Amino acid sequence: QVQLVESGGGLVQAGGSLRLSCAPSGRILSINAMGWYRLAPGSQRELVAAITSGGSTNYADSVKGRFTISRDSAKNTVYLQMNSLKPEDTAVYYCNGDKVATDNYYYSQLWGQGTQVTVSS
């Protein structure tokens, strides 16, 4: 069974940068859109950024101008470059794949296990 595996989270000071990566653990035939969501304590999960198979991007207003999502379609990998980080960016960040086809399964939505990002003031 294929999973999405995130990496790159950690602890950083305010104003710093982190780069998150998300790659499949096995063979994937196709993925439609890919995105990053985050869940902070006491908050609801929110979309941070998304990118379609054609390269169109969408960002939450709170991260526009600071975060950049990109995608390596050949590797079915998605990245999130996070600059000028703020304490309010602290959350668990989850990778998401929309309409994921593998050799044996089709997932309407496939999620990673999450990676913690902590921004200290």
Protein backbone atom coordinates (compact mmCIF):
# COMPACT_ATOMS: atom_id res chain seq x y z
CA GLN A 1 0.00 0.00 0.00
CA VAL A 2 1.49 3.34 -1.05
CA GLN A 3 1.83 6.17 1.43
CA LEU A 4 2.88 9.79 1.18
CA VAL A 5 5.91 10.51 3.33
CA GLU A 6 6.72 14.02 4.51
CA SER A 7 10.10 15.28 5.64
CA GLY A 8 11.79 18.56 6.44
CA GLY A 9 9.90 19.75 9.49
CA GLY A 10 11.63 20.98 12.61
CA LEU A 11 12.24 23.87 14.96
CA VAL A 12 13.19 27.26 13.56
CA GLN A 13 13.30 30.82 14.85
CA ALA A 14 10.89 33.44 13.60
CA GLY A 15 12.07 34.83 10.29
CA GLY A 16 13.76 31.58 9.35
CA SER A 17 13.06 29.11 6.58
CA LEU A 18 12.20 25.46 6.16
CA ARG A 19 11.60 23.28 3.13
CA LEU A 20 9.10 20.44 3.35
CA SER A 21 9.14 17.51 0.97
CA CYS A 22 6.52 14.85 0.30
CA ALA A 23 7.21 11.74 -1.75
CA PRO A 24 5.34 8.48 -2.29
CA SER A 25 6.66 5.34 -0.63
CA GLY A 26 6.00 3.29 -3.75
CA ARG A 27 5.01 3.37 -7.38
CA ILE A 28 2.29 5.82 -8.38
CA LEU A 29 0.76 5.94 -11.82
CA SER A 30 -0.84 9.36 -11.52
CA ILE A 31 -1.82 12.09 -9.06
CA ASN A 32 -4.15 14.94 -9.82
CA ALA A 33 -3.54 17.85 -7.46
CA MET A 34 -1.12 17.80 -4.52
CA GLY A 35 -1.20 20.06 -1.54
CA TRP A 36 -0.13 20.93 1.96
CA TYR A 37 -2.50 21.31 4.89
CA ARG A 38 -1.74 22.19 8.48
CA LEU A 39 -3.34 21.59 11.83
CA ALA A 40 -2.50 23.75 14.81
CA PRO A 41 -3.66 23.02 18.38
CA GLY A 42 -7.15 24.32 18.92
CA SER A 43 -7.66 25.06 15.24
CA GLN A 44 -9.22 23.36 12.27
CA ARG A 45 -7.17 21.85 9.48
CA GLU A 46 -6.55 24.43 6.79
CA LEU A 47 -5.24 24.34 3.27
CA VAL A 48 -1.84 26.01 3.07
CA ALA A 49 -1.05 25.57 -0.62
CA ALA A 50 -1.99 23.35 -3.52
CA ILE A 51 -0.70 22.68 -7.01
CA THR A 52 -2.52 21.00 -9.87
CA SER A 53 -1.05 18.53 -12.34
CA GLY A 54 -0.84 21.43 -14.75
CA GLY A 55 1.15 23.57 -12.34
CA SER A 56 -1.53 26.02 -11.21
CA THR A 57 -1.09 27.04 -7.59
CA ASN A 58 -3.33 28.23 -4.79
CA TYR A 59 -2.28 29.65 -1.41
CA ALA A 60 -3.91 30.56 1.86
CA ASP A 61 -3.93 34.33 2.31
CA SER A 62 -1.85 33.97 5.46
CA VAL A 63 1.12 32.47 3.57
CA LYS A 64 1.02 34.34 0.26
CA GLY A 65 4.37 35.89 -0.53
CA ARG A 66 6.15 33.74 2.06
CA PHE A 67 5.51 30.13 1.00
CA THR A 68 6.06 28.54 -2.38
CA ILE A 69 4.71 25.18 -3.48
CA SER A 70 6.37 23.25 -6.27
CA ARG A 71 6.10 19.82 -7.79
CA ASP A 72 8.29 17.30 -9.53
CA SER A 73 5.75 15.43 -11.61
CA ALA A 74 8.26 12.81 -12.73
CA LYS A 75 8.80 11.83 -9.09
CA ASN A 76 5.26 12.61 -7.89
CA THR A 77 6.91 14.74 -5.23
CA VAL A 78 5.70 18.04 -3.85
CA TYR A 79 7.68 20.66 -1.94
CA LEU A 80 6.80 23.59 0.27
CA GLN A 81 9.41 26.29 0.67
CA MET A 82 8.54 28.31 3.75
CA ASN A 83 10.29 31.64 4.28
CA SER A 84 9.82 34.42 6.82
CA LEU A 85 8.26 31.96 9.21
CA LYS A 86 6.10 33.25 12.03
CA PRO A 87 5.13 31.65 15.34
CA GLU A 88 1.57 31.35 14.04
CA ASP A 89 2.87 29.00 11.33
CA THR A 90 3.50 26.42 14.06
CA ALA A 91 1.47 23.32 13.22
CA VAL A 92 1.62 19.77 11.96
CA TYR A 93 1.86 19.93 8.19
CA TYR A 94 0.24 17.21 6.12
CA CYS A 95 0.80 16.31 2.50
CA ASN A 96 -2.22 15.44 0.41
CA GLY A 97 -2.69 13.77 -2.94
CA ASP A 98 -5.94 14.06 -4.87
CA LYS A 99 -7.09 11.22 -7.13
CA VAL A 100 -4.08 8.98 -6.69
CA ALA A 101 -3.75 5.88 -8.88
CA THR A 102 -1.34 3.06 -8.11
CA ASP A 103 -0.94 -0.36 -9.64
CA ASN A 104 -3.49 -1.89 -7.29
CA TYR A 105 -5.45 0.92 -5.68
CA TYR A 106 -7.20 4.17 -6.40
CA TYR A 107 -7.35 6.78 -3.63
CA SER A 108 -9.68 9.71 -3.92
CA GLN A 109 -7.56 11.33 -1.20
CA LEU A 110 -4.20 10.14 0.12
CA TRP A 111 -2.62 11.71 3.21
CA GLY A 112 0.82 11.69 4.73
CA GLN A 113 1.48 11.13 8.43
CA GLY A 114 2.37 14.75 9.07
CA THR A 115 5.52 16.61 10.02
CA GLN A 116 5.82 19.06 12.89
CA VAL A 117 6.87 22.63 12.21
CA THR A 118 7.59 24.77 15.25
CA VAL A 119 8.49 28.45 14.96
CA SER A 120 9.86 30.10 18.07
CA SER A 121 9.54 33.82 18.72
